[in-house]
Protein backbone atom coordinates (compact mmCIF):
# COMPACT_ATOMS: atom_id res chain seq x y z
CA UNK A 1 -4.94 0.05 -11.24
CA UNK A 2 -1.63 1.84 -11.53
CA UNK A 3 -0.28 4.20 -8.88
CA UNK A 4 1.77 7.14 -10.14
CA UNK A 5 4.34 9.56 -8.80
CA UNK A 6 3.81 13.26 -9.42
CA UNK A 7 6.45 13.26 -12.15
CA UNK A 8 4.84 10.25 -13.83
CA UNK A 9 1.42 11.89 -13.78
CA UNK A 10 2.85 15.00 -15.40
CA UNK A 11 4.45 12.85 -18.08
CA UNK A 12 1.11 11.11 -18.74
CA UNK A 13 -0.55 14.51 -19.17
CA UNK A 14 2.25 15.71 -21.46
CA UNK A 15 1.93 12.66 -23.67
CA UNK A 16 -1.86 12.96 -23.76
CA UNK A 17 -1.59 16.60 -24.79
CA UNK A 18 0.86 15.66 -27.54
CA UNK A 19 -1.68 13.12 -28.81
CA UNK A 20 -4.43 15.73 -29.03
CA UNK A 21 -6.04 15.70 -25.58
CA UNK A 22 -5.36 19.29 -24.54
CA UNK A 23 -4.65 20.37 -20.99
CA UNK A 24 -7.79 22.50 -21.18
CA UNK A 25 -9.88 19.47 -22.09
CA UNK A 26 -8.31 17.40 -19.32
CA UNK A 27 -9.28 20.14 -16.87
CA UNK A 28 -12.86 20.10 -18.15
CA UNK A 29 -12.97 16.33 -17.84
CA UNK A 30 -11.54 16.45 -14.33
CA UNK A 31 -13.85 19.16 -13.01
CA UNK A 32 -17.01 17.77 -14.58
CA UNK A 33 -16.12 14.23 -13.52
CA UNK A 34 -15.63 15.43 -9.95
CA UNK A 35 -18.97 17.24 -10.03
CA UNK A 36 -20.75 14.07 -11.16
CA UNK A 37 -19.20 12.07 -8.31
CA UNK A 38 -20.11 14.78 -5.78
CA UNK A 39 -23.72 14.89 -6.96
CA UNK A 40 -23.96 11.12 -6.74
CA UNK A 41 -22.53 11.14 -3.23
CA UNK A 42 -24.87 13.93 -2.08
CA UNK A 43 -27.82 11.86 -3.27
CA UNK A 44 -26.61 8.93 -1.18
CA UNK A 45 -26.01 11.11 1.87
CA UNK A 46 -29.36 12.87 1.37
CA UNK A 47 -27.94 16.27 2.33
CA UNK A 48 -30.90 18.69 2.24
CA UNK A 49 -30.53 21.77 0.02
CA UNK A 50 -26.79 21.36 -0.72
CA UNK A 51 -24.90 24.64 -0.50
CA UNK A 52 -21.43 24.15 -1.92
CA UNK A 53 -18.41 26.32 -1.19
CA UNK A 54 -15.57 25.75 -3.64
CA UNK A 55 -12.16 26.83 -2.33
CA UNK A 56 -10.15 27.79 -5.41
CA UNK A 57 -6.36 27.93 -5.58
CA UNK A 58 -4.30 29.81 -8.16
CA UNK A 59 -3.14 26.83 -10.22
CA UNK A 60 -4.58 23.92 -12.15
CA UNK A 61 -6.20 22.42 -9.08
CA UNK A 62 -8.13 25.67 -8.70
CA UNK A 63 -9.06 25.43 -12.37
CA UNK A 64 -10.48 21.96 -11.75
CA UNK A 65 -12.45 23.49 -8.88
CA UNK A 66 -13.92 26.24 -11.05
CA UNK A 67 -15.04 23.72 -13.68
CA UNK A 68 -16.55 21.60 -10.89
CA UNK A 69 -18.34 24.68 -9.51
CA UNK A 70 -19.82 25.47 -12.94
CA UNK A 71 -21.07 21.91 -13.39
CA UNK A 72 -22.63 21.85 -9.93
CA UNK A 73 -24.35 25.18 -10.54
CA UNK A 74 -25.65 23.93 -13.90
CA UNK A 75 -27.17 20.99 -12.01
CA UNK A 76 -29.09 23.36 -9.75
CA UNK A 77 -26.94 23.41 -6.62
CA UNK A 78 -26.31 26.63 -4.73
CA UNK A 79 -22.60 27.29 -5.34
CA UNK A 80 -20.16 29.93 -4.17
CA UNK A 81 -16.44 30.21 -4.91
CA UNK A 82 -13.74 31.62 -2.69
CA UNK A 83 -10.45 32.31 -4.46
CA UNK A 84 -7.10 32.34 -2.71
CA UNK A 85 -5.94 34.86 -5.32
CA UNK A 86 -7.88 36.84 -7.94
CA UNK A 87 -8.03 35.36 -11.43
CA UNK A 88 -7.85 37.27 -14.68
CA UNK A 89 -11.01 37.88 -16.69
CA UNK A 90 -9.39 36.14 -19.63
CA UNK A 91 -9.07 32.93 -17.61
CA UNK A 92 -11.58 30.74 -19.50
CA UNK A 93 -12.76 28.57 -16.59
CA UNK A 94 -13.10 31.61 -14.32
CA UNK A 95 -15.09 33.50 -16.96
CA UNK A 96 -17.40 30.54 -17.52
CA UNK A 97 -18.06 30.18 -13.79
CA UNK A 98 -18.88 33.89 -13.49
CA UNK A 99 -21.19 33.67 -16.50
CA UNK A 100 -23.06 30.92 -14.67
CA UNK A 101 -23.88 33.47 -11.96
CA UNK A 102 -21.72 31.94 -9.26
CA UNK A 103 -20.88 34.34 -6.44
CA UNK A 104 -17.15 34.95 -6.23
CA UNK A 105 -14.93 36.39 -3.51
CA UNK A 106 -11.19 36.35 -3.03
CA UNK A 107 -8.88 36.50 -0.05
CA UNK A 108 -6.84 39.40 -1.40
CA UNK A 109 -9.87 41.71 -1.24
CA UNK A 110 -11.47 40.22 1.87
CA UNK A 111 -10.52 42.17 5.01
CA UNK A 112 -9.88 39.73 7.87
CA UNK A 113 -11.55 36.98 5.80
CA UNK A 114 -14.97 38.24 6.86
CA UNK A 115 -16.71 37.22 3.64
CA UNK A 116 -15.01 33.84 3.74
CA UNK A 117 -16.26 33.13 7.26
CA UNK A 118 -19.83 34.01 6.23
CA UNK A 119 -19.62 31.72 3.22
CA UNK A 120 -18.12 28.96 5.33
CA UNK A 121 -20.84 29.26 7.98
CA UNK A 122 -23.60 28.59 5.44
CA UNK A 123 -21.95 25.81 3.45
CA UNK A 124 -22.82 22.17 4.02
CA UNK A 125 -20.52 20.96 1.25
CA UNK A 126 -16.92 22.19 0.90
CA UNK A 127 -14.71 21.40 -2.06
CA UNK A 128 -10.98 21.81 -1.45
CA UNK A 129 -9.39 22.82 -4.77
CA UNK A 130 -6.66 24.99 -3.29
CA UNK A 131 -3.37 23.21 -3.91
CA UNK A 132 -2.75 20.10 -5.96
CA UNK A 133 0.34 18.02 -6.60
CA UNK A 134 2.69 21.01 -6.63
CA UNK A 135 2.77 21.62 -2.86
CA UNK A 136 6.39 21.70 -1.72
CA UNK A 137 6.73 23.92 1.34
CA UNK A 138 4.98 24.54 4.67
CA UNK A 139 1.62 26.29 4.46
CA UNK A 140 1.63 29.80 5.86
CA UNK A 141 -0.26 33.08 5.84
CA UNK A 142 -3.78 33.41 4.48
CA UNK A 143 -3.94 29.85 3.18
CA UNK A 144 -3.09 28.54 6.64
CA UNK A 145 -5.86 30.69 8.14
CA UNK A 146 -8.39 29.39 5.61
CA UNK A 147 -7.52 25.76 6.25
CA UNK A 148 -7.64 26.18 10.00
CA UNK A 149 -11.06 27.79 9.72
CA UNK A 150 -12.34 24.86 7.66
CA UNK A 151 -11.14 22.39 10.29
CA UNK A 152 -12.71 24.41 13.11
CA UNK A 153 -16.01 24.69 11.23
CA UNK A 154 -16.17 20.93 10.75
CA UNK A 155 -15.11 20.20 14.30
CA UNK A 156 -17.49 22.65 15.97
CA UNK A 157 -20.54 22.27 13.71
CA UNK A 158 -23.67 22.53 15.88
CA UNK A 159 -25.58 20.03 13.72
CA UNK A 160 -24.31 18.05 10.73
CA UNK A 161 -20.75 18.97 9.90
CA UNK A 162 -20.01 20.08 6.34
CA UNK A 163 -19.05 17.30 3.93
CA UNK A 164 -15.48 17.96 2.72
CA UNK A 165 -14.37 16.85 -0.72
CA UNK A 166 -10.73 17.17 -1.79
CA UNK A 167 -9.88 17.41 -5.47
CA UNK A 168 -6.82 15.25 -6.16
CA UNK A 169 -5.89 15.37 -2.48
CA UNK A 170 -6.30 17.41 0.70
CA UNK A 171 -4.35 20.66 0.56
CA UNK A 172 -1.05 20.18 2.33
CA UNK A 173 -0.35 16.56 1.41
CA UNK A 174 2.79 15.47 -0.39
CA UNK A 175 1.61 13.33 -3.28
CA UNK A 176 4.82 11.28 -3.44
CA UNK A 177 5.61 10.61 0.21
CA UNK A 178 2.34 11.10 2.11
CA UNK A 179 3.76 13.83 4.33
CA UNK A 180 1.07 16.16 5.63
CA UNK A 181 1.09 19.78 6.70
CA UNK A 182 -0.23 20.22 10.28
CA UNK A 183 -3.06 22.50 9.10
CA UNK A 184 -4.43 20.13 6.46
CA UNK A 185 -8.18 19.54 6.91
CA UNK A 186 -9.16 15.87 6.82
CA UNK A 187 -11.45 15.12 3.89
CA UNK A 188 -14.46 12.82 3.80
CA UNK A 189 -13.89 12.08 0.13
CA UNK A 190 -10.93 12.56 -2.19
CA UNK A 191 -11.49 12.56 -5.94
CA UNK A 192 -8.19 12.04 -7.71
CA UNK A 193 -7.71 12.17 -11.45
CA UNK A 194 -6.71 9.38 -13.82
CA UNK A 195 -4.82 7.34 -11.20
CA UNK A 196 -4.04 7.38 -7.47
CA UNK A 197 -0.77 8.95 -6.45
CA UNK A 198 1.78 7.36 -4.15
CA UNK A 199 0.98 9.68 -1.25
CA UNK A 200 -2.63 8.52 -1.17
CA UNK A 201 -1.35 5.22 0.25
CA UNK A 202 1.25 6.58 2.67
CA UNK A 203 0.48 7.87 6.15
CA UNK A 204 -0.21 10.42 7.47
CA UNK A 205 -1.83 11.62 4.21
CA UNK A 206 -3.62 8.28 3.79
CA UNK A 207 -5.44 9.04 7.03
CA UNK A 208 -6.53 12.48 5.82
CA UNK A 209 -7.94 11.64 2.39
CA UNK A 210 -11.10 9.81 3.48
CA UNK A 211 -12.62 7.62 0.79
CA UNK A 212 -10.58 7.67 -2.41
CA UNK A 213 -12.31 7.69 -5.81
CA UNK A 214 -10.57 7.94 -9.19
CA UNK A 215 -12.14 10.09 -11.93
CA UNK A 216 -11.01 9.56 -15.54
CA UNK A 217 -9.87 12.58 -17.53
CA UNK A 218 -9.84 11.06 -21.02
CA UNK A 219 -6.28 9.72 -21.00
CA UNK A 220 -7.44 6.16 -21.69
CA UNK A 221 -8.87 7.32 -25.01
CA UNK A 222 -5.80 9.35 -25.98
CA UNK A 223 -3.87 6.42 -27.40
CA UNK A 224 -1.08 6.28 -24.82
CA UNK A 225 -1.99 3.05 -23.04
CA UNK A 226 1.65 1.95 -23.06
CA UNK A 227 2.78 5.38 -21.93
CA UNK A 228 6.00 4.14 -20.31
CA UNK A 229 7.40 3.15 -23.71
CA UNK A 230 6.68 6.68 -24.94
CA UNK A 231 8.01 8.55 -21.91
CA UNK A 232 11.16 10.65 -21.73
CA UNK A 233 13.98 8.11 -21.41
CA UNK A 234 15.81 10.30 -18.91
CA UNK A 235 12.92 10.08 -16.47
CA UNK A 236 12.93 7.30 -13.82
CA UNK A 237 9.77 5.25 -14.42
CA UNK A 238 8.25 2.77 -12.00
CA UNK A 239 5.44 0.30 -12.48
CA UNK A 240 3.33 0.19 -9.33
CA UNK A 241 -0.09 -1.38 -9.10
CA UNK A 242 -2.76 -1.25 -6.46
CA UNK A 243 -3.26 -4.90 -5.56
CA UNK A 244 -6.85 -6.07 -5.85
CA UNK A 245 -8.81 -9.29 -6.20
CA UNK A 246 -8.64 -9.30 -9.99
CA UNK A 247 -4.84 -9.01 -9.98
CA UNK A 248 -4.45 -11.77 -7.39
CA UNK A 249 -6.96 -14.04 -9.12
CA UNK A 250 -4.92 -13.93 -12.31
CA UNK A 251 -1.70 -14.79 -10.46
CA UNK A 252 -2.84 -17.60 -8.15
CA UNK A 253 -1.86 -21.15 -9.18
CA UNK A 254 -4.49 -23.47 -10.65
CA UNK A 255 -5.83 -26.36 -8.55
CA UNK A 256 -6.05 -29.49 -10.68
CA UNK A 257 -8.77 -31.98 -9.85
CA UNK A 258 -6.33 -34.92 -10.24
CA UNK A 259 -3.72 -33.37 -7.93
CA UNK A 260 -1.83 -35.01 -5.08
CA UNK A 261 0.21 -33.40 -2.33
CA UNK A 262 3.26 -33.43 -4.55
CA UNK A 263 1.43 -31.32 -7.11
CA UNK A 264 1.30 -28.34 -4.77
CA UNK A 265 4.89 -28.40 -3.61
CA UNK A 266 6.87 -28.49 -0.41
CA UNK A 267 7.54 -25.70 2.04
CA UNK A 268 10.05 -25.69 4.88
CA UNK A 269 9.84 -23.34 7.87
CA UNK A 270 13.13 -22.84 9.70
CA UNK A 271 12.79 -21.01 12.99
CA UNK A 272 11.82 -21.11 16.62
CA UNK A 273 13.76 -20.84 19.85
CA UNK A 274 13.00 -21.15 23.54
CA UNK A 275 11.64 -17.61 23.70
CA UNK A 276 9.52 -17.82 20.52
CA UNK A 277 7.97 -21.26 20.37
CA UNK A 278 4.78 -20.50 18.46
CA UNK A 279 6.08 -18.46 15.51
CA UNK A 280 7.16 -21.34 13.21
CA UNK A 281 3.83 -23.08 13.82
CA UNK A 282 1.94 -20.00 12.64
CA UNK A 283 4.02 -19.87 9.47
CA UNK A 284 3.54 -23.60 8.81
CA UNK A 285 -0.22 -23.42 9.24
CA UNK A 286 -0.38 -20.41 6.91
CA UNK A 287 1.60 -22.25 4.22
CA UNK A 288 -0.86 -25.12 4.41
CA UNK A 289 -3.86 -22.79 4.39
CA UNK A 290 -2.80 -21.13 1.12
CA UNK A 291 -2.52 -24.54 -0.52
CA UNK A 292 0.99 -25.98 -0.09
CA UNK A 293 1.01 -29.77 -0.42
CA UNK A 294 3.41 -30.54 2.42
CA UNK A 295 4.98 -28.34 5.08
CA UNK A 296 7.98 -29.29 7.17
CA UNK A 297 9.33 -27.65 10.31
CA UNK A 298 13.02 -27.41 11.13
CA UNK A 299 13.03 -26.35 14.78
CA UNK A 300 15.16 -27.05 17.85
CA UNK A 301 14.36 -30.46 19.33
CA UNK A 302 12.88 -29.06 22.56
CA UNK A 303 10.17 -27.24 20.58
CA UNK A 304 8.90 -30.21 18.58
CA UNK A 305 6.28 -31.51 21.05
CA UNK A 306 4.61 -28.11 21.41
CA UNK A 307 4.57 -27.47 17.67
CA UNK A 308 3.32 -30.95 16.86
CA UNK A 309 0.32 -30.18 19.05
CA UNK A 310 -0.58 -26.95 17.25
CA UNK A 311 0.26 -28.08 13.71
CA UNK A 312 -0.15 -31.85 13.61
CA UNK A 313 -0.16 -31.82 9.80
CA UNK A 314 3.48 -30.68 9.62
CA UNK A 315 6.39 -33.06 9.40
CA UNK A 316 9.70 -32.39 11.14
CA UNK A 317 13.31 -32.25 10.08
CA UNK A 318 15.19 -33.64 13.08
CA UNK A 319 18.09 -31.47 14.22
CA UNK A 320 20.33 -33.49 16.56
CA UNK A 321 22.51 -31.43 18.83
CA UNK A 322 19.93 -28.69 19.37
CA UNK A 323 18.01 -27.95 22.53
CA UNK A 324 16.08 -24.68 22.56
CA UNK A 325 18.00 -22.86 19.79
CA UNK A 326 19.47 -23.48 16.38
CA UNK A 327 23.17 -24.37 16.13
CA UNK A 328 25.52 -24.58 13.13
CA UNK A 329 25.39 -28.39 13.23
CA UNK A 330 21.76 -28.31 12.11
CA UNK A 331 22.55 -26.75 8.72
CA UNK A 332 23.87 -29.96 7.15
CA UNK A 333 20.79 -31.91 8.23
CA UNK A 334 18.47 -29.28 6.74
CA UNK A 335 20.41 -29.21 3.48
CA UNK A 336 20.31 -32.98 3.25
CA UNK A 337 16.53 -32.88 3.61
CA UNK A 338 16.21 -30.15 0.99
CA UNK A 339 18.46 -32.04 -1.43
CA UNK A 340 16.06 -34.96 -1.30
CA UNK A 341 13.05 -32.93 -2.40
CA UNK A 342 12.42 -33.43 -6.11
CA UNK A 343 11.83 -30.03 -7.68
CA UNK A 344 13.04 -28.20 -4.58
CA UNK A 345 11.21 -26.61 -1.66
CA UNK A 346 10.32 -23.08 -0.72
CA UNK A 347 11.85 -21.96 2.56
CA UNK A 348 10.66 -19.50 5.19
CA UNK A 349 13.70 -18.63 7.30
CA UNK A 350 13.39 -16.68 10.51
CA UNK A 351 10.01 -16.98 12.30
CA UNK A 352 10.89 -17.00 15.99
CA UNK A 353 14.53 -17.94 15.32
CA UNK A 354 16.12 -15.47 17.77
CA UNK A 355 19.52 -13.78 17.58
CA UNK A 356 21.78 -15.97 19.67
CA UNK A 357 25.39 -16.13 18.51
CA UNK A 358 25.12 -19.79 17.51
CA UNK A 359 21.93 -19.03 15.60
CA UNK A 360 23.63 -16.28 13.60
CA UNK A 361 26.36 -18.78 12.63
CA UNK A 362 23.67 -21.28 11.66
CA UNK A 363 21.92 -18.75 9.40
CA UNK A 364 25.21 -17.71 7.79
CA UNK A 365 26.07 -21.35 7.07
CA UNK A 366 22.73 -22.05 5.45
CA UNK A 367 22.95 -18.98 3.24
CA UNK A 368 26.51 -19.81 2.17
CA UNK A 369 25.39 -23.23 0.95
CA UNK A 370 22.32 -21.85 -0.82
CA UNK A 371 24.18 -19.06 -2.61
CA UNK A 372 26.78 -21.63 -3.75
CA UNK A 373 23.81 -23.65 -5.06
CA UNK A 374 24.82 -26.72 -3.11
CA UNK A 375 21.06 -27.02 -2.65
CA UNK A 376 18.46 -25.70 -5.10
CA UNK A 377 15.58 -23.82 -3.50
CA UNK A 378 12.20 -23.06 -5.02
CA UNK A 379 12.29 -19.74 -3.23
CA UNK A 380 13.38 -18.14 0.04
CA UNK A 381 11.54 -15.84 2.45
CA UNK A 382 13.66 -14.12 5.11
CA UNK A 383 11.60 -12.87 8.02
CA UNK A 384 11.88 -11.62 11.59
CA UNK A 385 15.24 -12.22 13.30
CA UNK A 386 16.72 -13.67 10.13
CA UNK A 387 16.55 -10.09 8.85
CA UNK A 388 18.25 -8.76 11.96
CA UNK A 389 21.00 -11.36 11.59
CA UNK A 390 21.41 -10.33 7.95
CA UNK A 391 21.71 -6.66 8.86
CA UNK A 392 24.84 -7.46 10.88
CA UNK A 393 26.58 -9.12 7.92
CA UNK A 394 28.80 -7.09 5.57
CA UNK A 395 27.45 -6.94 2.01
CA UNK A 396 24.48 -9.00 3.09
CA UNK A 397 22.48 -8.75 -0.19
CA UNK A 398 25.16 -10.78 -1.96
CA UNK A 399 24.86 -13.52 0.68
CA UNK A 400 21.31 -14.37 -0.37
CA UNK A 401 20.00 -16.45 -3.25
CA UNK A 402 18.80 -14.26 -6.11
CA UNK A 403 15.35 -12.69 -5.65
CA UNK A 404 14.96 -13.64 -2.00
CA UNK A 405 11.78 -12.21 -0.49
CA UNK A 406 12.53 -9.97 2.50
CA UNK A 407 9.61 -9.14 4.80
CA UNK A 408 10.73 -6.31 7.10
CA UNK A 409 8.63 -4.02 9.22
CA UNK A 410 9.88 -0.42 9.39
CA UNK A 411 12.40 -1.12 12.16
CA UNK A 412 13.92 -4.11 10.37
CA UNK A 413 13.95 -2.16 7.10
CA UNK A 414 15.85 0.65 8.82
CA UNK A 415 18.51 -1.77 10.03
CA UNK A 416 18.87 -3.42 6.62
CA UNK A 417 19.11 -0.08 4.81
CA UNK A 418 21.26 1.75 7.37
CA UNK A 419 18.73 4.48 7.98
CA UNK A 420 16.30 5.52 10.69
CA UNK A 421 12.72 4.37 11.09
CA UNK A 422 11.59 7.94 10.45
CA UNK A 423 13.53 7.91 7.19
CA UNK A 424 11.80 4.71 6.11
CA UNK A 425 8.33 5.95 7.01
CA UNK A 426 8.93 9.32 5.33
CA UNK A 427 8.87 7.68 1.88
CA UNK A 428 7.79 4.06 2.15
CA UNK A 429 7.13 3.45 -1.53
CA UNK A 430 10.20 5.29 -2.74
CA UNK A 431 12.56 3.55 -0.31
CA UNK A 432 11.09 0.10 -1.00
CA UNK A 433 11.57 0.55 -4.75
CA UNK A 434 15.10 1.91 -4.40
CA UNK A 435 16.21 -0.80 -1.97
CA UNK A 436 14.72 -3.65 -3.99
CA UNK A 437 16.58 -2.36 -7.04
CA UNK A 438 19.87 -1.88 -5.19
CA UNK A 439 19.71 -5.21 -3.34
CA UNK A 440 18.40 -7.37 -6.19
CA UNK A 441 15.69 -8.86 -3.97
CA UNK A 442 11.97 -8.54 -3.37
CA UNK A 443 11.05 -6.27 -0.45
CA UNK A 444 7.74 -6.58 1.41
CA UNK A 445 7.68 -3.46 3.59
CA UNK A 446 5.01 -4.32 6.12
CA UNK A 447 2.60 -1.87 7.74
CA UNK A 448 -0.48 0.08 6.78
CA UNK A 449 -0.69 -0.16 2.97
CA UNK A 450 2.10 -2.74 2.74
CA UNK A 451 4.48 -2.11 -0.17
CA UNK A 452 5.83 -4.98 -2.27
CA UNK A 453 8.80 -3.97 -4.45
CA UNK A 454 11.01 -5.83 -6.89
CA UNK A 455 14.10 -4.87 -8.92
CA UNK A 456 13.58 -2.66 -11.98
CA UNK A 457 11.17 -0.43 -10.02
CA UNK A 458 8.26 -2.85 -10.09
CA UNK A 459 5.87 -2.74 -7.18
CA UNK A 460 2.43 -3.21 -5.68
CA UNK A 461 0.64 -1.55 -2.79
CA UNK A 462 -2.04 -3.16 -0.66
CA UNK A 463 -5.32 -1.30 -0.15
CA UNK A 464 -5.48 -2.33 3.53
CA UNK A 465 -4.70 -0.26 6.63
CA UNK A 466 -5.97 -2.36 9.53
CA UNK A 467 -5.05 -1.64 13.17
CA UNK A 468 -6.41 -5.04 14.25
CA UNK A 469 -3.39 -6.64 12.56
CA UNK A 470 -0.92 -4.74 14.73
CA UNK A 471 -0.41 -7.78 16.94
CA UNK A 472 2.34 -10.33 17.50
CA UNK A 473 2.59 -13.22 15.06
CA UNK A 474 0.86 -11.72 12.03
CA UNK A 475 4.24 -11.37 10.32
CA UNK A 476 4.90 -15.10 10.81
CA UNK A 477 1.60 -15.84 9.08
CA UNK A 478 2.62 -13.59 6.18
CA UNK A 479 5.96 -15.39 5.77
CA UNK A 480 4.12 -18.72 5.66
CA UNK A 481 1.65 -17.43 3.07
CA UNK A 482 4.44 -16.33 0.73
CA UNK A 483 6.45 -19.54 1.17
CA UNK A 484 3.34 -21.66 0.62
CA UNK A 485 2.65 -19.90 -2.67
CA UNK A 486 6.25 -20.19 -3.84
CA UNK A 487 6.05 -23.90 -3.06
CA UNK A 488 3.21 -24.07 -5.60
CA UNK A 489 5.38 -22.49 -8.29
CA UNK A 490 4.76 -18.76 -8.06
CA UNK A 491 7.77 -16.55 -8.74
CA UNK A 492 9.03 -14.50 -5.76
CA UNK A 493 7.39 -11.16 -6.58
CA UNK A 494 4.06 -12.73 -7.58
CA UNK A 495 4.07 -14.93 -4.47
CA UNK A 496 4.80 -11.89 -2.30
CA UNK A 497 1.95 -9.89 -3.86
CA UNK A 498 -0.56 -12.74 -3.57
CA UNK A 499 0.55 -13.80 -0.10
CA UNK A 500 0.45 -10.26 1.25
CA UNK A 501 -2.96 -9.64 -0.32
CA UNK A 502 -4.49 -12.86 1.06
CA UNK A 503 -3.02 -12.06 4.47
CA UNK A 504 -4.42 -8.51 4.40
CA UNK A 505 -7.81 -9.61 3.09
CA UNK A 506 -8.10 -12.16 5.90
CA UNK A 507 -7.42 -9.35 8.34
CA UNK A 508 -10.14 -7.22 6.75
CA UNK A 509 -12.56 -10.14 7.01
CA UNK A 510 -11.82 -10.49 10.73
CA UNK A 511 -12.05 -6.74 11.31
CA UNK A 512 -15.46 -6.59 9.67
CA UNK A 513 -16.77 -9.13 12.15
CA UNK A 514 -14.93 -8.08 15.32
CA UNK A 515 -13.56 -4.52 15.07
CA UNK A 516 -10.15 -2.91 15.44
CA UNK A 517 -8.72 -4.89 18.36
CA UNK A 518 -8.54 -8.39 19.77
CA UNK A 519 -7.21 -10.32 16.78
CA UNK A 520 -4.88 -13.25 17.34
CA UNK A 521 -2.45 -14.11 14.58
CA UNK A 522 -3.88 -17.63 14.48
CA UNK A 523 -7.27 -16.17 13.54
CA UNK A 524 -5.81 -15.23 10.17
CA UNK A 525 -4.82 -18.78 9.30
CA UNK A 526 -8.37 -20.05 9.74
CA UNK A 527 -9.74 -17.32 7.44
CA UNK A 528 -7.28 -17.79 4.57
CA UNK A 529 -9.27 -20.57 2.80
CA UNK A 530 -12.43 -18.43 2.85
CA UNK A 531 -10.54 -15.53 1.30
CA UNK A 532 -9.01 -17.82 -1.33
CA UNK A 533 -12.42 -19.18 -2.23
CA UNK A 534 -13.95 -15.72 -2.55
CA UNK A 535 -11.17 -14.59 -4.87
CA UNK A 536 -10.92 -17.69 -7.04
CA UNK A 537 -14.54 -18.87 -7.36
CA UNK A 538 -16.33 -16.97 -10.09
CA UNK A 539 -20.10 -16.57 -9.92
């Protein structure tokens, strides 16, 4: 499923209209589709005698709401509409709703919102059709008062609180960045049209939308399936997908019955220091669990006994001259090992590596050799302190092999991009796309609804927002997942999408059994094969 920006959605609608699907028909499809979803949901919830209050804005979102109100009334529900501003009698959707006998009131003619408060008090279903994708400034005045009253009504309901449905999105959300006005009421269900928008998967708006359902509006039948090739060439176009099992299933490598360990490639994890002993072991186990044939660890000599105990299946690249940290002398030994791997190996650089001065020199030396192609890699993942070391290098993107996979959290992303964490979080999808394009590398911006971005504005967003995964070591597991998939031949972007999805799905599996807290990063590695089986085995 594609995820669109506001501008892209407008372009889709423009193209559909040009192909004969009028804006008026799209509005009918949207409103009636929303009504069908609401009726279905009310049947599931078994709300007795539904009394729906439709909050109607002055624009197209309000038009969708009026069509929805008409369809609900036709189905026998008790429906009332409250308009932020009066509508003209020659407004077709308004006239149709009035002809259906729906009671109408508007804020402009409602002294102190008295009628509104009476309507609100008796409603057990509220449909927010006030502002759609066009919101661009803080909410003030009467609209602010209406939204606050809705929130209070839901919070202070003596019995069952009203069920709140948002059309396209809760009023006050920014559909591109996920910013949220402080007065935005949190919805139980959001019905968006044709495709999700970026803001639906960015917090704080992602936390206010409730369940997200997509309603078609007829675009698929309008003959613009390849709409990007038809779009205005001056408009920046991205290609972002919501990652799901079907997408990952199609990308995962096949598992031949006559395979041996060489069939599924080699992965090398370079990391570890005296302060972070366990991180490279987590990455190595994850690479094995997603199917890599052989995984090696290049760690300081003092760490080998501990890591051999937790990952006995791994082999080791001996690094003479090291104690509890990496030193520049180890680079030649690692490169010699890599040079001996037929077909190359995928490398995860950084788990637990630390930021000691000698370690930074070691990382710089490795990268210099790899960029000069003294050693051919099957792929490179830079994670954790390898990213922090990179951020201190001038022109660091040019010091990486092409299409390196970078796996920063928001703080690491801020250091790499020279911005603040707040800047990063203010537009996660937009910044990930822009940085991937500017840097020439794949960016995996970790966090709730992880964003995977590649050059040429290609991206994917994970459907997962799981607080149980906010624990040390989960990033090391992710790095191992991606490296293990690259070892099996997946290209960097595809490996990043699949690895991140498997990692997130394992977290969801654990959360379903145990809740929002208490996860250990090692728990994810044990669940990865179950997730792989569920995705790849067809009934």
